Amino acid sequence: MPRRRALLVPVALAAVLAACGAAPGPPPAATASPTPITFGLSVDDTGNVLRVRPGDEVVPRLPLTGIEDDGWVMTVSPNPAVLGGGDDLLFFPSEAGQGGVAYHEFSFIAVGPGRTTVTLTHGFQQFTFTVQVTGRG
């Protein structure tokens, strides 16, 4: 019988040690994906390079000359694997004749890693920006 006890002690100790090394539970909340950020661009931001994460939004808001303006045209579209969307909205405030500013807004979402450039034109004006998507959202 003493020999069995001598064997049971190391076996019990091994079981306790194995339980202490069990796989950890879910990661703490601090490692959750960060909240997406919206990057607003104006006509003064032409030529800029933005560094964003998947899920971040890029929103160029470009001026219009008035109610009769047809808006900006996307002449170089982004790589859809990097930057999705491109939806646009023409905004003509009711007070345009009294100092309100009309604008054309585009909305893009960073979807995957890579680098892409977008070019929008308005008559002879050109607005270009580059987006570098890195990391995970």
Protein backbone atom coordinates (compact mmCIF):
# COMPACT_ATOMS: atom_id res chain seq x y z
CA MET A 1 0.00 0.00 0.00
CA PRO A 2 2.77 2.56 0.72
CA ARG A 3 4.05 1.98 -2.79
CA ARG A 4 0.63 2.91 -4.29
CA ARG A 5 0.55 6.17 -2.30
CA ALA A 6 4.01 6.97 -3.54
CA LEU A 7 2.75 6.60 -7.12
CA LEU A 8 -0.51 8.49 -6.52
CA VAL A 9 1.19 11.65 -5.21
CA PRO A 10 3.17 12.35 -8.42
CA VAL A 11 0.12 11.51 -10.57
CA ALA A 12 -2.10 13.88 -8.55
CA LEU A 13 0.57 16.60 -8.69
CA ALA A 14 0.83 16.19 -12.49
CA ALA A 15 -2.95 16.54 -12.83
CA VAL A 16 -2.96 19.76 -10.78
CA LEU A 17 -0.11 21.24 -12.82
CA ALA A 18 -1.82 20.31 -16.10
CA ALA A 19 -5.01 22.08 -14.98
CA CYS A 20 -3.05 25.26 -14.23
CA GLY A 21 -1.75 25.37 -17.78
CA ALA A 22 -5.19 25.20 -19.38
CA ALA A 23 -5.89 27.35 -22.42
CA PRO A 24 -6.78 30.95 -21.59
CA GLY A 25 -10.35 32.19 -21.96
CA PRO A 26 -11.49 34.82 -24.48
CA PRO A 27 -9.23 37.86 -24.93
CA PRO A 28 -9.97 40.87 -22.75
CA ALA A 29 -12.29 43.57 -24.10
CA ALA A 30 -9.33 45.93 -24.54
CA THR A 31 -8.18 43.92 -27.58
CA ALA A 32 -11.49 44.34 -29.42
CA SER A 33 -11.43 46.07 -32.80
CA PRO A 34 -11.21 49.85 -32.55
CA THR A 35 -14.16 51.99 -33.58
CA PRO A 36 -14.00 52.99 -37.26
CA ILE A 37 -12.90 56.57 -37.94
CA THR A 38 -14.33 58.92 -40.58
CA PHE A 39 -11.72 60.98 -42.43
CA GLY A 40 -13.25 64.09 -43.98
CA LEU A 41 -11.41 65.64 -46.92
CA SER A 42 -11.82 69.07 -48.52
CA VAL A 43 -10.57 70.41 -51.83
CA ASP A 44 -7.46 71.66 -49.97
CA ASP A 45 -6.48 68.04 -49.19
CA THR A 46 -5.70 67.12 -52.81
CA GLY A 47 -2.59 64.96 -53.11
CA ASN A 48 -2.74 63.70 -49.52
CA VAL A 49 -2.01 60.11 -48.51
CA LEU A 50 -4.28 58.73 -45.78
CA ARG A 51 -3.27 55.77 -43.63
CA VAL A 52 -6.40 53.99 -42.46
CA ARG A 53 -7.61 50.63 -41.11
CA PRO A 54 -10.29 48.36 -42.59
CA GLY A 55 -13.69 49.76 -41.65
CA ASP A 56 -12.56 53.40 -41.61
CA GLU A 57 -14.49 55.79 -43.85
CA VAL A 58 -13.01 58.38 -46.24
CA VAL A 59 -15.38 61.21 -47.18
CA PRO A 60 -14.27 63.87 -49.67
CA ARG A 61 -16.63 66.89 -49.56
CA LEU A 62 -15.97 69.08 -52.59
CA PRO A 63 -17.47 72.47 -53.46
CA LEU A 64 -20.02 73.10 -56.20
CA THR A 65 -20.63 76.39 -57.98
CA GLY A 66 -24.38 76.37 -57.40
CA ILE A 67 -27.68 74.66 -58.06
CA GLU A 68 -27.01 74.18 -61.80
CA ASP A 69 -23.67 72.41 -61.13
CA ASP A 70 -23.58 68.76 -62.30
CA GLY A 71 -20.92 67.88 -59.72
CA TRP A 72 -17.60 66.07 -59.65
CA VAL A 73 -16.83 63.00 -61.78
CA MET A 74 -14.76 60.05 -60.61
CA THR A 75 -12.20 59.64 -63.40
CA VAL A 76 -9.89 57.20 -61.55
CA SER A 77 -11.79 54.72 -59.39
CA PRO A 78 -10.20 53.00 -56.38
CA ASN A 79 -9.13 49.37 -56.30
CA PRO A 80 -12.32 47.77 -54.87
CA ALA A 81 -10.26 45.25 -52.86
CA VAL A 82 -8.77 48.19 -50.91
CA LEU A 83 -11.42 50.92 -50.91
CA GLY A 84 -15.11 50.20 -51.46
CA GLY A 85 -18.14 52.37 -51.95
CA GLY A 86 -17.85 55.63 -53.82
CA ASP A 87 -21.47 56.55 -53.26
CA ASP A 88 -22.07 60.23 -53.82
CA LEU A 89 -24.55 62.90 -52.82
CA LEU A 90 -25.12 66.38 -54.26
CA PHE A 91 -26.12 68.79 -51.53
CA PHE A 92 -27.85 72.06 -52.42
CA PRO A 93 -28.87 73.97 -49.31
CA SER A 94 -32.14 75.89 -49.52
CA GLU A 95 -30.21 79.06 -48.65
CA ALA A 96 -27.71 78.68 -51.53
CA GLY A 97 -28.65 82.09 -52.87
CA GLN A 98 -28.04 83.61 -49.43
CA GLY A 99 -24.54 82.31 -48.73
CA GLY A 100 -25.20 78.60 -48.18
CA VAL A 101 -22.56 76.40 -49.80
CA ALA A 102 -23.45 73.61 -52.21
CA TYR A 103 -21.15 70.58 -52.20
CA HIS A 104 -20.65 67.09 -53.61
CA GLU A 105 -19.82 64.39 -51.08
CA PHE A 106 -18.42 60.91 -51.79
CA SER A 107 -18.27 58.06 -49.28
CA PHE A 108 -15.64 55.28 -49.35
CA ILE A 109 -14.97 52.45 -46.87
CA ALA A 110 -11.54 50.86 -46.36
CA VAL A 111 -12.06 47.14 -46.95
CA GLY A 112 -8.67 45.45 -47.23
CA PRO A 113 -4.91 45.95 -47.11
CA GLY A 114 -3.21 47.77 -49.95
CA ARG A 115 -2.81 51.18 -51.55
CA THR A 116 -5.11 52.88 -54.06
CA THR A 117 -5.59 56.33 -55.58
CA VAL A 118 -8.84 58.12 -56.46
CA THR A 119 -9.17 61.06 -58.83
CA LEU A 120 -12.25 63.27 -59.09
CA THR A 121 -12.60 66.04 -61.68
CA HIS A 122 -14.82 69.09 -62.00
CA GLY A 123 -14.25 70.94 -65.24
CA PHE A 124 -10.54 71.78 -65.18
CA GLN A 125 -10.21 71.10 -61.45
CA GLN A 126 -8.79 67.80 -60.28
CA PHE A 127 -8.89 66.31 -56.78
CA THR A 128 -6.68 63.28 -56.06
CA PHE A 129 -6.10 61.36 -52.84
CA THR A 130 -4.35 58.10 -52.00
CA VAL A 131 -5.43 55.64 -49.31
CA GLN A 132 -3.07 53.16 -47.64
CA VAL A 133 -5.04 50.50 -45.73
CA THR A 134 -2.98 48.65 -43.12
CA GLY A 135 -3.65 46.23 -40.30
CA ARG A 136 -6.97 44.90 -39.21
CA GLY A 137 -10.12 46.78 -38.28
